[in-house]
Amino acid sequence: MHQRPFPTMRQARLEVFQWLTYYNARRRHSALKYLSPVEFKRQQQRARTLTRAA
């Protein structure tokens, strides 16, 4: 990534996987009011649980 050489293909795959995991699941999104998708989903589930309890 960023035109950096990796010592092995395994190391390259690992770092790409870690970056994709961050980018797709943990990175904050402006469309989600600057929450990560994981946190947004947690808040949605929490809101549904509270609505059912009320």
N, C-alpha and C. Protein backbone atom coordinates (compact mmCIF):
# COMPACT_ATOMS: atom_id res chain seq x y z
N MET A 1 0.85 -1.17 0.00
CA MET A 1 0.00 0.00 0.00
C MET A 1 0.89 1.23 0.00
N HIS A 2 0.42 2.24 -0.63
CA HIS A 2 1.20 3.47 -0.77
C HIS A 2 2.56 3.20 -1.40
N GLN A 3 2.59 2.27 -2.34
CA GLN A 3 3.78 1.89 -3.09
C GLN A 3 4.92 1.47 -2.19
N ARG A 4 4.59 0.75 -1.17
CA ARG A 4 5.57 0.25 -0.21
C ARG A 4 5.79 -1.24 -0.48
N PRO A 5 7.01 -1.69 -0.55
CA PRO A 5 7.25 -3.12 -0.77
C PRO A 5 6.96 -3.93 0.50
N PHE A 6 6.44 -5.11 0.31
CA PHE A 6 6.17 -6.02 1.41
C PHE A 6 7.15 -7.19 1.32
N PRO A 7 7.60 -7.67 2.45
CA PRO A 7 8.57 -8.77 2.42
C PRO A 7 7.98 -10.07 1.85
N THR A 8 6.68 -10.30 2.09
CA THR A 8 6.04 -11.52 1.59
C THR A 8 4.63 -11.20 1.10
N MET A 9 4.10 -12.09 0.30
CA MET A 9 2.72 -11.93 -0.17
C MET A 9 1.76 -12.03 1.02
N ARG A 10 2.08 -12.89 1.95
CA ARG A 10 1.23 -13.03 3.14
C ARG A 10 1.13 -11.72 3.91
N GLN A 11 2.26 -11.05 4.08
CA GLN A 11 2.27 -9.77 4.80
C GLN A 11 1.46 -8.72 4.03
N ALA A 12 1.57 -8.72 2.72
CA ALA A 12 0.80 -7.78 1.90
C ALA A 12 -0.69 -8.03 2.06
N ARG A 13 -1.10 -9.28 1.98
CA ARG A 13 -2.52 -9.61 2.13
C ARG A 13 -3.04 -9.23 3.51
N LEU A 14 -2.26 -9.49 4.53
CA LEU A 14 -2.67 -9.16 5.89
C LEU A 14 -2.89 -7.65 6.04
N GLU A 15 -1.96 -6.87 5.55
CA GLU A 15 -2.10 -5.42 5.70
C GLU A 15 -3.25 -4.86 4.88
N VAL A 16 -3.47 -5.41 3.69
CA VAL A 16 -4.61 -4.97 2.88
C VAL A 16 -5.92 -5.33 3.59
N PHE A 17 -6.01 -6.54 4.13
CA PHE A 17 -7.20 -6.96 4.86
C PHE A 17 -7.46 -6.04 6.05
N GLN A 18 -6.42 -5.72 6.80
CA GLN A 18 -6.59 -4.84 7.96
C GLN A 18 -7.06 -3.45 7.53
N TRP A 19 -6.50 -2.94 6.45
CA TRP A 19 -6.91 -1.62 5.97
C TRP A 19 -8.37 -1.64 5.50
N LEU A 20 -8.76 -2.69 4.77
CA LEU A 20 -10.14 -2.78 4.30
C LEU A 20 -11.13 -2.91 5.46
N THR A 21 -10.74 -3.66 6.47
CA THR A 21 -11.60 -3.79 7.64
C THR A 21 -11.81 -2.43 8.29
N TYR A 22 -10.73 -1.70 8.45
CA TYR A 22 -10.85 -0.34 9.01
C TYR A 22 -11.71 0.54 8.11
N TYR A 23 -11.41 0.54 6.83
CA TYR A 23 -12.09 1.45 5.90
C TYR A 23 -13.58 1.17 5.82
N ASN A 24 -13.95 -0.10 5.79
CA ASN A 24 -15.36 -0.44 5.59
C ASN A 24 -16.17 -0.53 6.87
N ALA A 25 -15.55 -0.82 7.99
CA ALA A 25 -16.33 -1.04 9.20
C ALA A 25 -16.08 -0.03 10.31
N ARG A 26 -14.91 0.50 10.39
CA ARG A 26 -14.59 1.35 11.54
C ARG A 26 -14.45 2.83 11.20
N ARG A 27 -14.20 3.13 9.94
CA ARG A 27 -13.99 4.53 9.55
C ARG A 27 -15.30 5.31 9.73
N ARG A 28 -15.20 6.50 10.20
CA ARG A 28 -16.39 7.34 10.39
C ARG A 28 -16.87 7.85 9.04
N HIS A 29 -18.19 7.86 8.87
CA HIS A 29 -18.80 8.28 7.61
C HIS A 29 -19.65 9.52 7.85
N SER A 30 -19.50 10.49 6.99
CA SER A 30 -20.30 11.71 7.15
C SER A 30 -21.78 11.42 6.96
N ALA A 31 -22.14 10.47 6.12
CA ALA A 31 -23.54 10.12 5.90
C ALA A 31 -24.18 9.49 7.14
N LEU A 32 -23.36 9.01 8.05
CA LEU A 32 -23.86 8.39 9.29
C LEU A 32 -23.63 9.31 10.48
N LYS A 33 -23.61 10.61 10.21
CA LYS A 33 -23.36 11.62 11.26
C LYS A 33 -22.03 11.38 11.95
N TYR A 34 -21.03 11.03 11.15
CA TYR A 34 -19.66 10.81 11.60
C TYR A 34 -19.52 9.69 12.63
N LEU A 35 -20.36 8.67 12.48
CA LEU A 35 -20.22 7.45 13.26
C LEU A 35 -19.65 6.39 12.34
N SER A 36 -19.00 5.41 12.94
CA SER A 36 -18.56 4.27 12.15
C SER A 36 -19.79 3.42 11.86
N PRO A 37 -19.77 2.61 10.80
CA PRO A 37 -20.91 1.73 10.54
C PRO A 37 -21.23 0.81 11.73
N VAL A 38 -20.21 0.34 12.42
CA VAL A 38 -20.43 -0.53 13.57
C VAL A 38 -21.17 0.22 14.67
N GLU A 39 -20.74 1.43 14.98
CA GLU A 39 -21.39 2.22 16.03
C GLU A 39 -22.79 2.64 15.59
N PHE A 40 -22.98 2.98 14.34
CA PHE A 40 -24.30 3.35 13.83
C PHE A 40 -25.27 2.19 14.01
N LYS A 41 -24.84 0.99 13.66
CA LYS A 41 -25.68 -0.19 13.81
C LYS A 41 -26.02 -0.45 15.27
N ARG A 42 -25.05 -0.29 16.15
CA ARG A 42 -25.30 -0.46 17.59
C ARG A 42 -26.37 0.51 18.08
N GLN A 43 -26.26 1.77 17.66
CA GLN A 43 -27.24 2.77 18.08
C GLN A 43 -28.62 2.46 17.54
N GLN A 44 -28.70 1.98 16.30
CA GLN A 44 -29.99 1.62 15.72
C GLN A 44 -30.63 0.47 16.49
N GLN A 45 -29.83 -0.54 16.83
CA GLN A 45 -30.34 -1.68 17.58
C GLN A 45 -30.78 -1.27 18.98
N ARG A 46 -30.00 -0.40 19.60
CA ARG A 46 -30.33 0.09 20.94
C ARG A 46 -31.65 0.87 20.90
N ALA A 47 -31.83 1.70 19.88
CA ALA A 47 -33.06 2.48 19.76
C ALA A 47 -34.27 1.56 19.56
N ARG A 48 -34.12 0.50 18.75
CA ARG A 48 -35.21 -0.45 18.55
C ARG A 48 -35.55 -1.18 19.84
N THR A 49 -34.52 -1.55 20.60
CA THR A 49 -34.75 -2.25 21.86
C THR A 49 -35.49 -1.35 22.85
N LEU A 50 -35.10 -0.09 22.92
CA LEU A 50 -35.76 0.84 23.83
C LEU A 50 -37.20 1.10 23.40
N THR A 51 -37.45 1.16 22.11
CA THR A 51 -38.80 1.39 21.59
C THR A 51 -39.71 0.22 21.96
N ARG A 52 -39.20 -1.00 21.82
CA ARG A 52 -39.99 -2.19 22.16
C ARG A 52 -40.27 -2.24 23.65
N ALA A 53 -39.32 -1.80 24.45
CA ALA A 53 -39.48 -1.87 25.91
C ALA A 53 -40.49 -0.84 26.41
N ALA A 54 -40.66 0.23 25.68
CA ALA A 54 -41.55 1.31 26.13
C ALA A 54 -42.99 1.05 25.90
